[in-house]
Each structure stands twice: as C-alpha cells, then as structure tokens.
Protein backbone atom coordinates (compact mmCIF):
# COMPACT_ATOMS: atom_id res chain seq x y z
CA MET A 1 118.15 134.93 112.21
CA SER A 2 117.47 138.74 111.83
CA VAL A 3 117.93 141.22 115.00
CA ALA A 4 113.86 141.41 115.16
CA ILE A 5 113.05 138.13 115.54
CA ARG A 6 115.43 137.28 117.88
CA THR A 7 114.62 140.13 120.14
CA THR A 8 110.65 139.21 119.33
CA MET A 9 111.25 135.26 120.62
CA VAL A 10 113.23 136.57 123.82
CA ALA A 11 110.65 138.97 124.48
CA THR A 12 108.24 136.32 124.10
CA ILE A 13 110.12 133.61 126.59
CA LEU A 14 109.92 136.38 128.87
CA LEU A 15 106.89 137.81 128.30
CA ILE A 16 105.68 133.79 128.87
CA LEU A 17 108.16 133.83 132.40
CA LEU A 18 106.29 136.50 134.41
CA SER A 19 103.00 136.04 133.36
CA ASN A 20 102.81 132.56 135.00
CA ASN A 21 102.47 131.49 138.14
CA THR A 22 104.91 127.46 137.47
CA ARG A 23 107.88 128.02 139.20
CA THR A 24 109.24 125.11 137.84
CA SER A 25 109.13 126.57 134.19
CA SER A 26 111.00 129.30 135.47
CA ALA A 27 113.48 127.54 137.18
CA LEU A 28 113.96 125.26 133.89
CA ALA A 29 114.21 128.42 132.29
CA VAL A 30 116.63 129.48 134.08
CA VAL A 31 118.90 125.49 133.48
CA THR A 32 118.00 125.81 129.31
CA MET A 33 119.68 128.77 129.62
CA MET A 34 122.77 127.76 131.06
CA GLY A 35 122.80 124.59 128.80
CA TYR A 36 122.81 126.61 125.93
CA PHE A 37 126.21 126.85 126.02
CA ILE A 38 126.97 123.67 128.14
CA PHE A 39 124.76 120.73 125.84
CA PRO A 40 126.71 120.52 122.81
CA HIS A 41 130.23 119.52 124.64
CA LEU A 42 128.62 117.36 127.63
CA SER A 43 128.23 113.47 125.81
CA ARG A 44 125.14 112.23 124.68
CA TRP A 45 125.52 109.54 126.43
CA PHE A 46 125.42 111.37 129.81
CA THR A 47 121.66 111.91 129.17
CA LEU A 48 120.61 108.05 131.19
CA LEU A 49 121.80 110.09 134.46
CA ILE A 50 119.65 113.03 134.69
CA ALA A 51 117.09 110.76 135.96
CA PRO A 52 118.87 108.24 138.59
CA VAL A 53 120.96 111.69 139.65
CA LEU A 54 117.61 113.67 140.10
CA VAL A 55 115.43 110.92 142.05
CA LEU A 56 118.76 110.59 143.87
CA LEU A 57 118.82 114.33 144.88
CA ALA A 58 115.93 113.81 146.27
CA PHE A 59 116.08 111.60 148.34
CA LEU A 60 119.31 113.40 150.40
CA VAL A 61 117.15 116.58 150.30
CA VAL A 62 114.29 115.56 151.81
CA GLY A 63 115.61 112.56 153.27
CA ASP A 64 112.72 111.34 155.83
CA ASN A 65 110.76 114.50 156.69
CA VAL A 66 107.84 114.08 154.20
CA GLU A 67 106.10 117.74 154.06
CA HIS A 68 103.25 117.45 151.69
CA THR A 69 103.51 120.73 151.44
CA ASP A 70 102.94 123.26 147.72
CA ASP A 71 106.75 123.61 147.32
CA LEU A 72 109.99 122.34 145.89
CA ILE A 73 110.45 120.31 148.93
CA GLY A 74 107.19 119.02 149.38
CA ARG A 75 106.95 118.09 146.04
CA LEU A 76 110.21 115.88 146.32
CA GLY A 77 108.94 114.63 149.85
CA ILE A 78 105.49 112.98 147.45
CA THR A 79 107.85 111.45 144.91
CA THR A 80 110.35 109.83 147.36
CA GLU A 81 107.68 108.32 149.43
CA ALA A 82 105.23 107.34 146.28
CA LEU A 83 108.93 105.56 145.81
CA ARG A 84 109.86 104.10 148.99
CA LYS A 85 106.36 103.21 149.18
CA LEU A 86 106.26 101.04 145.97
CA ASP A 87 105.46 97.29 146.82
CA ILE A 88 107.05 94.19 144.35
CA PRO A 89 103.14 93.29 143.11
CA THR A 90 102.87 97.74 141.81
CA ILE A 91 106.65 97.22 140.48
CA PHE A 92 105.71 94.65 138.95
CA GLY A 93 102.81 95.89 137.28
CA ALA A 94 100.10 93.70 139.25
CA ASN A 95 98.86 96.62 140.56
CA ALA A 96 97.48 99.44 137.83
CA MET A 97 94.48 101.07 140.36
CA LYS A 98 97.15 102.17 142.18
CA ALA A 99 98.39 104.49 139.17
CA ARG A 100 95.47 106.54 140.51
CA HIS A 101 97.13 107.80 143.92
CA LEU A 102 100.18 108.64 142.23
CA MET A 103 99.10 111.25 139.94
CA ASP A 104 101.84 113.42 141.75
CA THR A 105 105.07 112.33 141.19
CA GLY A 106 105.41 111.25 137.09
CA PHE A 107 108.33 108.23 138.53
CA GLY A 108 106.27 106.53 141.07
CA TYR A 109 103.25 107.11 138.55
CA VAL A 110 105.09 105.92 135.33
CA THR A 111 105.94 102.61 137.69
CA ALA A 112 102.77 101.77 139.13
CA SER A 113 100.79 101.95 135.49
CA SER A 114 103.29 99.91 132.86
CA SER A 115 105.81 98.67 135.48
CA ILE A 116 109.64 99.26 136.00
CA PHE A 117 109.83 97.30 132.43
CA GLY A 118 107.50 101.44 131.53
CA LEU A 119 109.74 103.06 133.49
CA ILE A 120 112.72 101.75 131.67
CA ALA A 121 111.39 102.04 129.06
CA ILE A 122 110.42 106.08 129.36
CA TRP A 123 113.91 106.59 130.52
CA LEU A 124 115.68 104.78 127.48
CA PHE A 125 113.43 106.87 125.59
CA PHE A 126 113.69 110.67 127.12
CA SER A 127 117.40 109.91 127.56
CA LEU A 128 118.68 108.41 124.27
CA GLY A 129 115.62 108.75 121.63
CA GLN A 130 115.69 111.79 120.21
CA ARG A 131 118.42 112.39 117.00
CA ALA A 132 121.73 114.47 118.57
CA THR A 133 124.20 114.68 115.76
CA ASP A 134 124.81 118.49 115.93
CA THR A 135 124.85 121.38 118.00
CA ALA A 136 121.15 121.79 118.04
CA SER A 137 120.30 118.26 118.20
CA LYS A 138 121.97 117.85 121.81
CA ARG A 139 120.59 121.23 123.00
CA CYS A 140 117.67 120.70 121.99
CA ALA A 141 117.96 116.18 123.44
CA TRP A 142 119.17 117.40 126.87
CA ALA A 143 117.05 120.44 127.31
CA THR A 144 113.81 117.80 126.80
CA ALA A 145 115.74 114.98 128.98
CA VAL A 146 115.96 117.63 131.90
CA TYR A 147 112.92 119.38 131.94
CA LEU A 148 110.86 115.63 131.27
CA PHE A 149 112.92 113.59 134.76
CA ALA A 150 112.62 117.42 136.23
CA ASN A 151 108.66 117.03 135.71
CA MET A 152 108.43 113.66 136.78
CA MET A 153 109.40 114.48 139.96
CA ILE A 154 107.35 117.61 140.91
CA GLY A 155 104.18 115.95 138.83
CA GLY A 156 103.39 113.42 137.84
CA THR A 157 100.83 113.40 134.43
CA ALA A 158 101.30 116.81 132.97
CA ILE A 159 104.32 115.59 130.86
CA PHE A 160 101.28 113.32 129.57
CA SER A 161 98.87 116.39 128.47
CA MET A 162 98.02 116.99 125.38
CA LYS A 163 99.18 120.56 126.31
CA VAL A 164 102.66 120.27 126.65
CA ALA A 165 103.04 116.12 124.98
CA ALA A 166 101.90 117.77 121.38
CA PRO A 167 104.58 120.93 121.35
CA LEU A 168 107.12 119.06 122.65
CA TRP A 169 107.02 116.19 120.69
CA MET A 170 106.40 118.83 117.69
CA LEU A 171 109.92 120.02 118.89
CA VAL A 172 111.97 117.16 119.08
CA GLY A 173 110.42 115.63 115.25
CA TYR A 174 111.75 118.72 114.05
CA MET A 175 114.64 118.65 115.39
CA ALA A 176 115.23 114.98 113.90
CA ALA A 177 113.70 115.87 110.55
CA THR A 178 116.46 118.88 110.49
CA ALA A 179 119.62 117.31 112.39
CA PRO A 180 121.86 116.19 109.56
CA LYS A 181 122.57 112.34 109.70
CA LEU A 182 125.56 110.73 110.69
CA GLN A 183 127.66 109.07 108.30
CA THR A 184 127.80 105.48 107.50
CA SER A 185 130.15 104.62 105.47
CA ARG A 186 133.71 106.11 105.90
CA PRO A 187 135.59 109.21 104.41
CA ASN A 188 137.74 107.36 102.21
CA GLY A 189 136.06 105.50 100.66
CA LEU A 190 136.49 102.07 102.30
CA ALA A 191 133.68 99.03 102.53
CA PRO A 192 132.67 99.35 107.08
CA ARG A 193 134.71 96.35 107.83
CA GLY A 194 133.02 92.80 107.81
CA SER A 195 131.30 94.11 104.71
CA ILE A 196 131.65 93.19 101.20
CA ALA A 197 133.51 95.89 98.76
CA ALA A 198 130.84 96.08 95.17
C-alpha cells in the first residue's frame, strides 16, 4: 500500500474513534493495535481462552456488588448477575422467552435464546471458525474473537445486528478467501501415513 493510502486509513480510524461516543470501540482499538504485533505470535488454540477468561475476570472485578450503571463495571455487573440467575430450564433451552430480558448481556442472551449448546457452538465458531494460516489471517481471527467476546460481556445483541455483523463477516470472508491454504501433502512427495500411494 502506498503512503497516501496508509495515511488515509489511519486518519479515518482516528476520525471514527474521535467522532463517536462508544467507549468500547475506543478501548478495543487500542487492544487491536497492540494485538497487531502480538497476535501473529500466539497459538490459534488460545482463542478458546478469551471468553472464559473475560467471564472469570468480570466475576472477579464485579464480585457480589452489582450496580446497574451505564459504565464498564455496571455493564459487567449486568452480565455476571444474569449468568448467576440462569436456571436449569433456561440453560437447556426450555425458557427462550427469558432472552427478551437479557438483551444487555451477550452470554446470558445467547444461553437463554439457544441453550448452553448454542452458546458452546458460538464460542467454538467465534474462536476457531476462521482461517488463521498466515500473519494477516491470524491477526483477523484474534481481533475478531476479542471483539466479539468483549462485546458479549457488555452488550447483548449488537454483534448480531446488521451494522456490525455484515461488515465483520464480510471481512472474515475476505480473509478466508485470500489467506493461503495449508499444505495437505508432505514436502518430500511422500504420501501421508495411512494412505495408498498411486
């Protein structure tokens, strides 16, 4: 990319961050900038830890003192309170109507609307569903997982909305289409073990 295009891209990001009122995007932009250098060196499998670590940190930070305020601690409190109050029928998908009252907590909303099995499927898909075979696709896979799980901690349905989901999954699709595919044959020409050489 030319210097002009790079400068325009950086200026656009800064303008977006400075001209909106979303604190989450501003914080995640900083995490993503640091991740630009860190993510390519991390194992793909560690993305499975993002959601559990974020939930555990939320419980540690909030504790039993839940305040319903419109700041980070208040939003985390809403999530931890919702997760504590999930009953067995809701966890196993027998009380989907409860999801209407959990719109401000992603993990609670997904569990109530699609059961614990739906939550596990989304966790696995967000963590491992993207190709991560080169530096750029690893950055995208990690940044997307961090973005999605962080948003599920403080909001419920934003990641499923058209304004977020459409461009996000278009980016993931582009990365999947342009990332190099993994080699399936051995470099020395030998057939993989268990296969029959022609």
